[in-house]
Amino acid sequence: MLDFLDNLYIGAAIRTQMFIDSFKKDERGVSSIVATVLLILIVVLLAALFWGKISEWFSTTWEKIMGQSNTIG
């Protein structure tokens, strides 16, 4: 009985290690991850570049919203 459990445990450990090794060598999703990181970087850099205009637009829009809030009702 113990031999069976030993073989079962060793087989599971070997299959797990083989899965981990094949997962490490798989490069199918690397290009999409790199593209996503680059797009996020571009968006952050553009937001930082145009922050003055963006914050001014948000401020004027918020003032318009708050200025008209008393007319409801």
PDB file of N, CA and C in Angstrom:
ATOM      1  N   MET A   1       0.821  -1.186   0.000  1.00  0.00           N
ATOM      2  CA  MET A   1       0.000   0.000   0.000  1.00  0.00           C
ATOM      3  C   MET A   1       0.873   1.262   0.000  1.00  0.00           C
ATOM      4  N   LEU A   2       1.952   1.229   0.802  1.00  0.00           N
ATOM      5  CA  LEU A   2       2.830   2.387   0.847  1.00  0.00           C
ATOM      6  C   LEU A   2       3.583   2.590  -0.462  1.00  0.00           C
ATOM      7  N   ASP A   3       3.909   1.489  -1.137  1.00  0.00           N
ATOM      8  CA  ASP A   3       4.569   1.607  -2.442  1.00  0.00           C
ATOM      9  C   ASP A   3       3.655   2.297  -3.444  1.00  0.00           C
ATOM     10  N   PHE A   4       2.380   1.958  -3.405  1.00  0.00           N
ATOM     11  CA  PHE A   4       1.410   2.585  -4.302  1.00  0.00           C
ATOM     12  C   PHE A   4       1.318   4.083  -4.037  1.00  0.00           C
ATOM     13  N   LEU A   5       1.239   4.467  -2.759  1.00  0.00           N
ATOM     14  CA  LEU A   5       1.165   5.887  -2.408  1.00  0.00           C
ATOM     15  C   LEU A   5       2.456   6.621  -2.773  1.00  0.00           C
ATOM     16  N   ASP A   6       3.600   5.955  -2.575  1.00  0.00           N
ATOM     17  CA  ASP A   6       4.877   6.551  -2.967  1.00  0.00           C
ATOM     18  C   ASP A   6       4.929   6.798  -4.476  1.00  0.00           C
ATOM     19  N   ASN A   7       4.514   5.789  -5.245  1.00  0.00           N
ATOM     20  CA  ASN A   7       4.506   5.934  -6.701  1.00  0.00           C
ATOM     21  C   ASN A   7       3.538   7.029  -7.145  1.00  0.00           C
ATOM     22  N   LEU A   8       2.396   7.100  -6.496  1.00  0.00           N
ATOM     23  CA  LEU A   8       1.410   8.128  -6.814  1.00  0.00           C
ATOM     24  C   LEU A   8       1.964   9.515  -6.530  1.00  0.00           C
ATOM     25  N   TYR A   9       2.602   9.694  -5.388  1.00  0.00           N
ATOM     26  CA  TYR A   9       3.176  10.983  -5.008  1.00  0.00           C
ATOM     27  C   TYR A   9       4.315  11.383  -5.944  1.00  0.00           C
ATOM     28  N   ILE A  10       5.205  10.440  -6.222  1.00  0.00           N
ATOM     29  CA  ILE A  10       6.343  10.728  -7.107  1.00  0.00           C
ATOM     30  C   ILE A  10       5.846  11.051  -8.515  1.00  0.00           C
ATOM     31  N   GLY A  11       4.839  10.342  -8.995  1.00  0.00           N
ATOM     32  CA  GLY A  11       4.280  10.617 -10.318  1.00  0.00           C
ATOM     33  C   GLY A  11       3.656  12.000 -10.384  1.00  0.00           C
ATOM     34  N   ALA A  12       2.924  12.375  -9.331  1.00  0.00           N
ATOM     35  CA  ALA A  12       2.320  13.703  -9.300  1.00  0.00           C
ATOM     36  C   ALA A  12       3.385  14.794  -9.240  1.00  0.00           C
ATOM     37  N   ALA A  13       4.437  14.576  -8.482  1.00  0.00           N
ATOM     38  CA  ALA A  13       5.518  15.557  -8.387  1.00  0.00           C
ATOM     39  C   ALA A  13       6.218  15.719  -9.729  1.00  0.00           C
ATOM     40  N   ILE A  14       6.436  14.629 -10.431  1.00  0.00           N
ATOM     41  CA  ILE A  14       7.100  14.690 -11.740  1.00  0.00           C
ATOM     42  C   ILE A  14       6.205  15.402 -12.751  1.00  0.00           C
ATOM     43  N   ARG A  15       4.909  15.078 -12.775  1.00  0.00           N
ATOM     44  CA  ARG A  15       3.987  15.747 -13.700  1.00  0.00           C
ATOM     45  C   ARG A  15       3.891  17.236 -13.402  1.00  0.00           C
ATOM     46  N   THR A  16       3.876  17.603 -12.128  1.00  0.00           N
ATOM     47  CA  THR A  16       3.831  19.015 -11.757  1.00  0.00           C
ATOM     48  C   THR A  16       5.088  19.735 -12.215  1.00  0.00           C
ATOM     49  N   GLN A  17       6.243  19.134 -12.006  1.00  0.00           N
ATOM     50  CA  GLN A  17       7.501  19.750 -12.425  1.00  0.00           C
ATOM     51  C   GLN A  17       7.577  19.886 -13.938  1.00  0.00           C
ATOM     52  N   MET A  18       7.098  18.877 -14.662  1.00  0.00           N
ATOM     53  CA  MET A  18       7.088  18.959 -16.124  1.00  0.00           C
ATOM     54  C   MET A  18       6.159  20.068 -16.604  1.00  0.00           C
ATOM     55  N   PHE A  19       5.003  20.219 -15.951  1.00  0.00           N
ATOM     56  CA  PHE A  19       4.083  21.290 -16.309  1.00  0.00           C
ATOM     57  C   PHE A  19       4.711  22.660 -16.070  1.00  0.00           C
ATOM     58  N   ILE A  20       5.376  22.825 -14.947  1.00  0.00           N
ATOM     59  CA  ILE A  20       6.028  24.103 -14.626  1.00  0.00           C
ATOM     60  C   ILE A  20       7.131  24.404 -15.627  1.00  0.00           C
ATOM     61  N   ASP A  21       7.922  23.401 -15.982  1.00  0.00           N
ATOM     62  CA  ASP A  21       8.990  23.607 -16.963  1.00  0.00           C
ATOM     63  C   ASP A  21       8.431  23.992 -18.332  1.00  0.00           C
ATOM     64  N   SER A  22       7.366  23.332 -18.768  1.00  0.00           N
ATOM     65  CA  SER A  22       6.782  23.675 -20.070  1.00  0.00           C
ATOM     66  C   SER A  22       6.119  25.048 -20.027  1.00  0.00           C
ATOM     67  N   PHE A  23       5.556  25.428 -18.883  1.00  0.00           N
ATOM     68  CA  PHE A  23       4.939  26.745 -18.734  1.00  0.00           C
ATOM     69  C   PHE A  23       5.989  27.854 -18.804  1.00  0.00           C
ATOM     70  N   LYS A  24       7.152  27.622 -18.232  1.00  0.00           N
ATOM     71  CA  LYS A  24       8.232  28.611 -18.266  1.00  0.00           C
ATOM     72  C   LYS A  24       8.768  28.810 -19.683  1.00  0.00           C
ATOM     73  N   LYS A  25       8.769  27.768 -20.484  1.00  0.00           N
ATOM     74  CA  LYS A  25       9.330  27.850 -21.830  1.00  0.00           C
ATOM     75  C   LYS A  25       8.319  28.371 -22.853  1.00  0.00           C
ATOM     76  N   ASP A  26       7.042  28.426 -22.483  1.00  0.00           N
ATOM     77  CA  ASP A  26       5.996  28.867 -23.406  1.00  0.00           C
ATOM     78  C   ASP A  26       6.040  30.382 -23.558  1.00  0.00           C
ATOM     79  N   GLU A  27       6.153  30.869 -24.788  1.00  0.00           N
ATOM     80  CA  GLU A  27       6.271  32.300 -25.041  1.00  0.00           C
ATOM     81  C   GLU A  27       5.127  32.828 -25.898  1.00  0.00           C
ATOM     82  N   ARG A  28       4.001  32.176 -25.916  1.00  0.00           N
ATOM     83  CA  ARG A  28       2.907  32.588 -26.781  1.00  0.00           C
ATOM     84  C   ARG A  28       2.286  33.910 -26.355  1.00  0.00           C
ATOM     85  N   GLY A  29       2.191  34.213 -25.086  1.00  0.00           N
ATOM     86  CA  GLY A  29       1.510  35.413 -24.627  1.00  0.00           C
ATOM     87  C   GLY A  29       2.425  36.594 -24.358  1.00  0.00           C
ATOM     88  N   VAL A  30       3.711  36.443 -24.612  1.00  0.00           N
ATOM     89  CA  VAL A  30       4.665  37.490 -24.256  1.00  0.00           C
ATOM     90  C   VAL A  30       4.446  38.745 -25.084  1.00  0.00           C
ATOM     91  N   SER A  31       4.216  38.625 -26.376  1.00  0.00           N
ATOM     92  CA  SER A  31       4.075  39.801 -27.230  1.00  0.00           C
ATOM     93  C   SER A  31       2.833  40.610 -26.874  1.00  0.00           C
ATOM     94  N   SER A  32       1.740  39.962 -26.505  1.00  0.00           N
ATOM     95  CA  SER A  32       0.538  40.701 -26.136  1.00  0.00           C
ATOM     96  C   SER A  32       0.727  41.420 -24.800  1.00  0.00           C
ATOM     97  N   ILE A  33       1.477  40.825 -23.891  1.00  0.00           N
ATOM     98  CA  ILE A  33       1.751  41.487 -22.612  1.00  0.00           C
ATOM     99  C   ILE A  33       2.625  42.714 -22.836  1.00  0.00           C
ATOM    100  N   VAL A  34       3.630  42.587 -23.668  1.00  0.00           N
ATOM    101  CA  VAL A  34       4.512  43.719 -23.965  1.00  0.00           C
ATOM    102  C   VAL A  34       3.729  44.834 -24.644  1.00  0.00           C
ATOM    103  N   ALA A  35       2.854  44.490 -25.583  1.00  0.00           N
ATOM    104  CA  ALA A  35       2.041  45.499 -26.262  1.00  0.00           C
ATOM    105  C   ALA A  35       1.121  46.208 -25.288  1.00  0.00           C
ATOM    106  N   THR A  36       0.529  45.489 -24.358  1.00  0.00           N
ATOM    107  CA  THR A  36      -0.353  46.101 -23.365  1.00  0.00           C
ATOM    108  C   THR A  36       0.415  47.055 -22.470  1.00  0.00           C
ATOM    109  N   VAL A  37       1.590  46.664 -22.026  1.00  0.00           N
ATOM    110  CA  VAL A  37       2.408  47.533 -21.177  1.00  0.00           C
ATOM    111  C   VAL A  37       2.812  48.796 -21.931  1.00  0.00           C
ATOM    112  N   LEU A  38       3.170  48.661 -23.201  1.00  0.00           N
ATOM    113  CA  LEU A  38       3.537  49.825 -23.998  1.00  0.00           C
ATOM    114  C   LEU A  38       2.360  50.770 -24.199  1.00  0.00           C
ATOM    115  N   LEU A  39       1.173  50.235 -24.434  1.00  0.00           N
ATOM    116  CA  LEU A  39      -0.012  51.092 -24.577  1.00  0.00           C
ATOM    117  C   LEU A  39      -0.323  51.841 -23.290  1.00  0.00           C
ATOM    118  N   ILE A  40      -0.219  51.178 -22.155  1.00  0.00           N
ATOM    119  CA  ILE A  40      -0.448  51.845 -20.875  1.00  0.00           C
ATOM    120  C   ILE A  40       0.584  52.934 -20.661  1.00  0.00           C
ATOM    121  N   LEU A  41       1.825  52.666 -21.001  1.00  0.00           N
ATOM    122  CA  LEU A  41       2.884  53.656 -20.871  1.00  0.00           C
ATOM    123  C   LEU A  41       2.621  54.873 -21.755  1.00  0.00           C
ATOM    124  N   ILE A  42       2.179  54.651 -22.973  1.00  0.00           N
ATOM    125  CA  ILE A  42       1.866  55.761 -23.875  1.00  0.00           C
ATOM    126  C   ILE A  42       0.725  56.605 -23.327  1.00  0.00           C
ATOM    127  N   VAL A  43      -0.318  55.976 -22.816  1.00  0.00           N
ATOM    128  CA  VAL A  43      -1.456  56.714 -22.259  1.00  0.00           C
ATOM    129  C   VAL A  43      -1.028  57.543 -21.058  1.00  0.00           C
ATOM    130  N   VAL A  44      -0.217  56.982 -20.189  1.00  0.00           N
ATOM    131  CA  VAL A  44       0.253  57.718 -19.009  1.00  0.00           C
ATOM    132  C   VAL A  44       1.128  58.894 -19.420  1.00  0.00           C
ATOM    133  N   LEU A  45       2.002  58.685 -20.394  1.00  0.00           N
ATOM    134  CA  LEU A  45       2.865  59.780 -20.855  1.00  0.00           C
ATOM    135  C   LEU A  45       2.057  60.889 -21.521  1.00  0.00           C
ATOM    136  N   LEU A  46       1.056  60.544 -22.311  1.00  0.00           N
ATOM    137  CA  LEU A  46       0.208  61.565 -22.925  1.00  0.00           C
ATOM    138  C   LEU A  46      -0.597  62.329 -21.881  1.00  0.00           C
ATOM    139  N   ALA A  47      -1.089  61.630 -20.876  1.00  0.00           N
ATOM    140  CA  ALA A  47      -1.827  62.308 -19.805  1.00  0.00           C
ATOM    141  C   ALA A  47      -0.909  63.262 -19.048  1.00  0.00           C
ATOM    142  N   ALA A  48       0.324  62.868 -18.814  1.00  0.00           N
ATOM    143  CA  ALA A  48       1.276  63.745 -18.124  1.00  0.00           C
ATOM    144  C   ALA A  48       1.637  64.939 -18.997  1.00  0.00           C
ATOM    145  N   LEU A  49       1.743  64.723 -20.292  1.00  0.00           N
ATOM    146  CA  LEU A  49       2.103  65.792 -21.218  1.00  0.00           C
ATOM    147  C   LEU A  49       1.003  66.852 -21.312  1.00  0.00           C
ATOM    148  N   PHE A  50      -0.235  66.414 -21.359  1.00  0.00           N
ATOM    149  CA  PHE A  50      -1.362  67.336 -21.510  1.00  0.00           C
ATOM    150  C   PHE A  50      -2.104  67.572 -20.194  1.00  0.00           C
ATOM    151  N   TRP A  51      -1.457  67.400 -19.056  1.00  0.00           N
ATOM    152  CA  TRP A  51      -2.129  67.503 -17.770  1.00  0.00           C
ATOM    153  C   TRP A  51      -2.720  68.903 -17.537  1.00  0.00           C
ATOM    154  N   GLY A  52      -2.029  69.943 -17.974  1.00  0.00           N
ATOM    155  CA  GLY A  52      -2.538  71.299 -17.782  1.00  0.00           C
ATOM    156  C   GLY A  52      -3.871  71.502 -18.473  1.00  0.00           C
ATOM    157  N   LYS A  53      -3.977  71.097 -19.708  1.00  0.00           N
ATOM    158  CA  LYS A  53      -5.224  71.254 -20.459  1.00  0.00           C
ATOM    159  C   LYS A  53      -6.320  70.337 -19.919  1.00  0.00           C
ATOM    160  N   ILE A  54      -5.939  69.125 -19.532  1.00  0.00           N
ATOM    161  CA  ILE A  54      -6.928  68.182 -18.999  1.00  0.00           C
ATOM    162  C   ILE A  54      -7.499  68.693 -17.684  1.00  0.00           C
ATOM    163  N   SER A  55      -6.639  69.166 -16.789  1.00  0.00           N
ATOM    164  CA  SER A  55      -7.131  69.638 -15.488  1.00  0.00           C
ATOM    165  C   SER A  55      -7.970  70.910 -15.651  1.00  0.00           C
ATOM    166  N   GLU A  56      -7.608  71.771 -16.603  1.00  0.00           N
ATOM    167  CA  GLU A  56      -8.404  72.972 -16.862  1.00  0.00           C
ATOM    168  C   GLU A  56      -9.788  72.586 -17.367  1.00  0.00           C
ATOM    169  N   TRP A  57      -9.848  71.625 -18.272  1.00  0.00           N
ATOM    170  CA  TRP A  57     -11.138  71.172 -18.800  1.00  0.00           C
ATOM    171  C   TRP A  57     -12.005  70.573 -17.694  1.00  0.00           C
ATOM    172  N   PHE A  58     -11.403  69.735 -16.832  1.00  0.00           N
ATOM    173  CA  PHE A  58     -12.157  69.157 -15.727  1.00  0.00           C
ATOM    174  C   PHE A  58     -12.654  70.246 -14.772  1.00  0.00           C
ATOM    175  N   SER A  59     -11.827  71.239 -14.519  1.00  0.00           N
ATOM    176  CA  SER A  59     -12.228  72.313 -13.602  1.00  0.00           C
ATOM    177  C   SER A  59     -13.401  73.096 -14.163  1.00  0.00           C
ATOM    178  N   THR A  60     -13.332  73.481 -15.427  1.00  0.00           N
ATOM    179  CA  THR A  60     -14.446  74.250 -16.004  1.00  0.00           C
ATOM    180  C   THR A  60     -15.706  73.409 -16.090  1.00  0.00           C
ATOM    181  N   THR A  61     -15.571  72.146 -16.438  1.00  0.00           N
ATOM    182  CA  THR A  61     -16.750  71.273 -16.504  1.00  0.00           C
ATOM    183  C   THR A  61     -17.369  71.099 -15.121  1.00  0.00           C
ATOM    184  N   TRP A  62     -16.548  70.923 -14.101  1.00  0.00           N
ATOM    185  CA  TRP A  62     -17.059  70.752 -12.743  1.00  0.00           C
ATOM    186  C   TRP A  62     -17.735  72.028 -12.250  1.00  0.00           C
ATOM    187  N   GLU A  63     -17.173  73.170 -12.593  1.00  0.00           N
ATOM    188  CA  GLU A  63     -17.799  74.440 -12.205  1.00  0.00           C
ATOM    189  C   GLU A  63     -19.150  74.616 -12.884  1.00  0.00           C
ATOM    190  N   LYS A  64     -19.265  74.213 -14.140  1.00  0.00           N
ATOM    191  CA  LYS A  64     -20.553  74.283 -14.834  1.00  0.00           C
ATOM    192  C   LYS A  64     -21.571  73.366 -14.173  1.00  0.00           C
ATOM    193  N   ILE A  65     -21.136  72.182 -13.797  1.00  0.00           N
ATOM    194  CA  ILE A  65     -22.041  71.233 -13.144  1.00  0.00           C
ATOM    195  C   ILE A  65     -22.497  71.763 -11.800  1.00  0.00           C
ATOM    196  N   MET A  66     -21.575  72.267 -11.004  1.00  0.00           N
ATOM    197  CA  MET A  66     -21.918  72.760  -9.669  1.00  0.00           C
ATOM    198  C   MET A  66     -22.700  74.074  -9.738  1.00  0.00           C
ATOM    199  N   GLY A  67     -22.453  74.875 -10.758  1.00  0.00           N
ATOM    200  CA  GLY A  67     -23.192  76.141 -10.909  1.00  0.00           C
ATOM    201  C   GLY A  67     -24.635  75.907 -11.276  1.00  0.00           C
ATOM    202  N   GLN A  68     -24.931  74.826 -11.956  1.00  0.00           N
ATOM    203  CA  GLN A  68     -26.305  74.527 -12.363  1.00  0.00           C
ATOM    204  C   GLN A  68     -26.998  73.581 -11.391  1.00  0.00           C
ATOM    205  N   SER A  69     -26.350  73.190 -10.330  1.00  0.00           N
ATOM    206  CA  SER A  69     -26.952  72.230  -9.407  1.00  0.00           C
ATOM    207  C   SER A  69     -28.097  72.844  -8.610  1.00  0.00           C
ATOM    208  N   ASN A  70     -28.093  74.166  -8.429  1.00  0.00           N
ATOM    209  CA  ASN A  70     -29.170  74.789  -7.654  1.00  0.00           C
ATOM    210  C   ASN A  70     -30.448  74.926  -8.452  1.00  0.00           C
ATOM    211  N   THR A  71     -30.403  74.755  -9.786  1.00  0.00           N
ATOM    212  CA  THR A  71     -31.595  74.920 -10.620  1.00  0.00           C
ATOM    213  C   THR A  71     -32.445  73.652 -10.669  1.00  0.00           C
ATOM    214  N   ILE A  72     -31.955  72.558 -10.116  1.00  0.00           N
ATOM    215  CA  ILE A  72     -32.725  71.308 -10.147  1.00  0.00           C
ATOM    216  C   ILE A  72     -33.832  71.395  -9.095  1.00  0.00           C
ATOM    217  N   GLY A  73     -35.031  71.022  -9.494  1.00  0.00           N
ATOM    218  CA  GLY A  73     -36.127  70.961  -8.545  1.00  0.00           C
ATOM    219  C   GLY A  73     -36.934  72.152  -8.650  1.00  0.00           C
TER     220      GLY A  73
END
